[in-house]
Amino acid sequence: MARQVLHIVKRNDPLAIDLIRRQSAENPVTVILIQEAARLTFPTDTGPIFVLQDDAPEHPIYPRIDYPKMLDMILSAADVLVW
């Protein structure tokens, strides 16, 4: 059975991007970009990508979420990784 995996990415991290891509081939993967990563253009072949609205008040690509929505996503994920 597939496990919902949530990755919270704080900065540009090639290791994180590689692992997220590999995991997305086997499990549903969601990515939240925060802090420095909120300004990145992330590979889109990984699954849904969101950006924390406090870190990127405007983002041309990804939907923005607030802290309560991020908390809901953390609590509903089977696994959470922070990079």
C-alpha atoms as a PDB file:
ATOM      1  CA  MET A   1       0.000   0.000   0.000  1.00  0.00           C
ATOM      2  CA  ALA A   2       1.365   3.426  -0.950  1.00  0.00           C
ATOM      3  CA  ARG A   3       2.269   5.825   1.848  1.00  0.00           C
ATOM      4  CA  GLN A   4       1.616   9.547   1.547  1.00  0.00           C
ATOM      5  CA  VAL A   5       4.982  11.297   1.867  1.00  0.00           C
ATOM      6  CA  LEU A   6       5.319  15.015   2.601  1.00  0.00           C
ATOM      7  CA  HIS A   7       8.598  16.808   1.958  1.00  0.00           C
ATOM      8  CA  ILE A   8       9.138  20.264   3.432  1.00  0.00           C
ATOM      9  CA  VAL A   9      12.010  21.903   1.576  1.00  0.00           C
ATOM     10  CA  LYS A  10      13.777  24.913   3.138  1.00  0.00           C
ATOM     11  CA  ARG A  11      16.578  25.481   0.601  1.00  0.00           C
ATOM     12  CA  ASN A  12      17.879  24.287  -2.735  1.00  0.00           C
ATOM     13  CA  ASP A  13      19.122  20.788  -1.907  1.00  0.00           C
ATOM     14  CA  PRO A  14      20.068  18.465  -4.810  1.00  0.00           C
ATOM     15  CA  LEU A  15      19.914  15.409  -2.522  1.00  0.00           C
ATOM     16  CA  ALA A  16      16.353  16.286  -1.520  1.00  0.00           C
ATOM     17  CA  ILE A  17      15.299  16.782  -5.136  1.00  0.00           C
ATOM     18  CA  ASP A  18      16.800  13.430  -6.119  1.00  0.00           C
ATOM     19  CA  LEU A  19      15.120  11.549  -3.253  1.00  0.00           C
ATOM     20  CA  ILE A  20      11.759  13.238  -3.884  1.00  0.00           C
ATOM     21  CA  ARG A  21      11.895  12.211  -7.547  1.00  0.00           C
ATOM     22  CA  ARG A  22      12.733   8.603  -6.658  1.00  0.00           C
ATOM     23  CA  GLN A  23      10.044   8.385  -3.970  1.00  0.00           C
ATOM     24  CA  SER A  24       7.393   9.866  -6.255  1.00  0.00           C
ATOM     25  CA  ALA A  25       7.775   6.851  -8.542  1.00  0.00           C
ATOM     26  CA  GLU A  26       6.493   4.585  -5.737  1.00  0.00           C
ATOM     27  CA  ASN A  27       4.407   6.737  -3.381  1.00  0.00           C
ATOM     28  CA  PRO A  28       2.192   9.806  -3.488  1.00  0.00           C
ATOM     29  CA  VAL A  29       4.541  12.707  -2.754  1.00  0.00           C
ATOM     30  CA  THR A  30       3.645  16.285  -1.836  1.00  0.00           C
ATOM     31  CA  VAL A  31       6.187  19.096  -1.523  1.00  0.00           C
ATOM     32  CA  ILE A  32       5.915  22.313   0.483  1.00  0.00           C
ATOM     33  CA  LEU A  33       8.523  24.992  -0.262  1.00  0.00           C
ATOM     34  CA  ILE A  34       9.356  27.257   2.683  1.00  0.00           C
ATOM     35  CA  GLN A  35      12.019  29.817   3.650  1.00  0.00           C
ATOM     36  CA  GLU A  36      14.711  30.123   0.928  1.00  0.00           C
ATOM     37  CA  ALA A  37      13.108  27.369  -1.173  1.00  0.00           C
ATOM     38  CA  ALA A  38       9.891  29.403  -1.496  1.00  0.00           C
ATOM     39  CA  ARG A  39      11.554  31.326  -4.330  1.00  0.00           C
ATOM     40  CA  LEU A  40      12.647  28.226  -6.281  1.00  0.00           C
ATOM     41  CA  THR A  41      11.208  26.652  -9.367  1.00  0.00           C
ATOM     42  CA  PHE A  42      11.010  23.014  -8.346  1.00  0.00           C
ATOM     43  CA  PRO A  43      10.901  19.986 -10.684  1.00  0.00           C
ATOM     44  CA  THR A  44       7.215  19.404 -11.403  1.00  0.00           C
ATOM     45  CA  ASP A  45       7.380  15.675 -12.103  1.00  0.00           C
ATOM     46  CA  THR A  46       7.199  14.869  -8.388  1.00  0.00           C
ATOM     47  CA  GLY A  47       3.566  15.516  -7.448  1.00  0.00           C
ATOM     48  CA  PRO A  48       1.706  18.475  -5.941  1.00  0.00           C
ATOM     49  CA  ILE A  49       3.906  21.412  -4.927  1.00  0.00           C
ATOM     50  CA  PHE A  50       2.848  24.220  -2.597  1.00  0.00           C
ATOM     51  CA  VAL A  51       4.589  27.293  -1.223  1.00  0.00           C
ATOM     52  CA  LEU A  52       4.130  28.767   2.254  1.00  0.00           C
ATOM     53  CA  GLN A  53       2.439  32.126   1.701  1.00  0.00           C
ATOM     54  CA  ASP A  54       4.350  33.890   4.514  1.00  0.00           C
ATOM     55  CA  ASP A  55       7.624  33.069   2.740  1.00  0.00           C
ATOM     56  CA  ALA A  56       6.415  33.946  -0.763  1.00  0.00           C
ATOM     57  CA  PRO A  57       3.488  36.382  -0.736  1.00  0.00           C
ATOM     58  CA  GLU A  58       3.337  36.014  -4.516  1.00  0.00           C
ATOM     59  CA  HIS A  59       4.497  32.993  -6.449  1.00  0.00           C
ATOM     60  CA  PRO A  60       3.948  32.711 -10.191  1.00  0.00           C
ATOM     61  CA  ILE A  61       3.739  28.913 -10.321  1.00  0.00           C
ATOM     62  CA  TYR A  62       2.686  27.116  -7.140  1.00  0.00           C
ATOM     63  CA  PRO A  63      -0.440  27.464  -5.007  1.00  0.00           C
ATOM     64  CA  ARG A  64       0.180  29.208  -1.705  1.00  0.00           C
ATOM     65  CA  ILE A  65      -0.868  27.729   1.637  1.00  0.00           C
ATOM     66  CA  ASP A  66      -0.971  29.154   5.157  1.00  0.00           C
ATOM     67  CA  TYR A  67       0.387  27.666   8.403  1.00  0.00           C
ATOM     68  CA  PRO A  68      -2.884  25.927   9.410  1.00  0.00           C
ATOM     69  CA  LYS A  69      -3.054  24.179   6.014  1.00  0.00           C
ATOM     70  CA  MET A  70       0.606  23.156   6.312  1.00  0.00           C
ATOM     71  CA  LEU A  71      -0.110  21.707   9.771  1.00  0.00           C
ATOM     72  CA  ASP A  72      -3.078  19.737   8.380  1.00  0.00           C
ATOM     73  CA  MET A  73      -0.821  18.344   5.663  1.00  0.00           C
ATOM     74  CA  ILE A  74       1.844  17.367   8.204  1.00  0.00           C
ATOM     75  CA  LEU A  75      -0.667  15.586  10.426  1.00  0.00           C
ATOM     76  CA  SER A  76      -2.284  13.692   7.543  1.00  0.00           C
ATOM     77  CA  ALA A  77       0.968  12.465   5.946  1.00  0.00           C
ATOM     78  CA  ALA A  78       2.338   9.022   6.746  1.00  0.00           C
ATOM     79  CA  ASP A  79       5.922  10.322   6.524  1.00  0.00           C
ATOM     80  CA  VAL A  80       7.281  13.862   6.776  1.00  0.00           C
ATOM     81  CA  LEU A  81      10.815  14.812   5.770  1.00  0.00           C
ATOM     82  CA  VAL A  82      12.303  18.277   6.243  1.00  0.00           C
ATOM     83  CA  TRP A  83      15.230  19.404   4.137  1.00  0.00           C
END
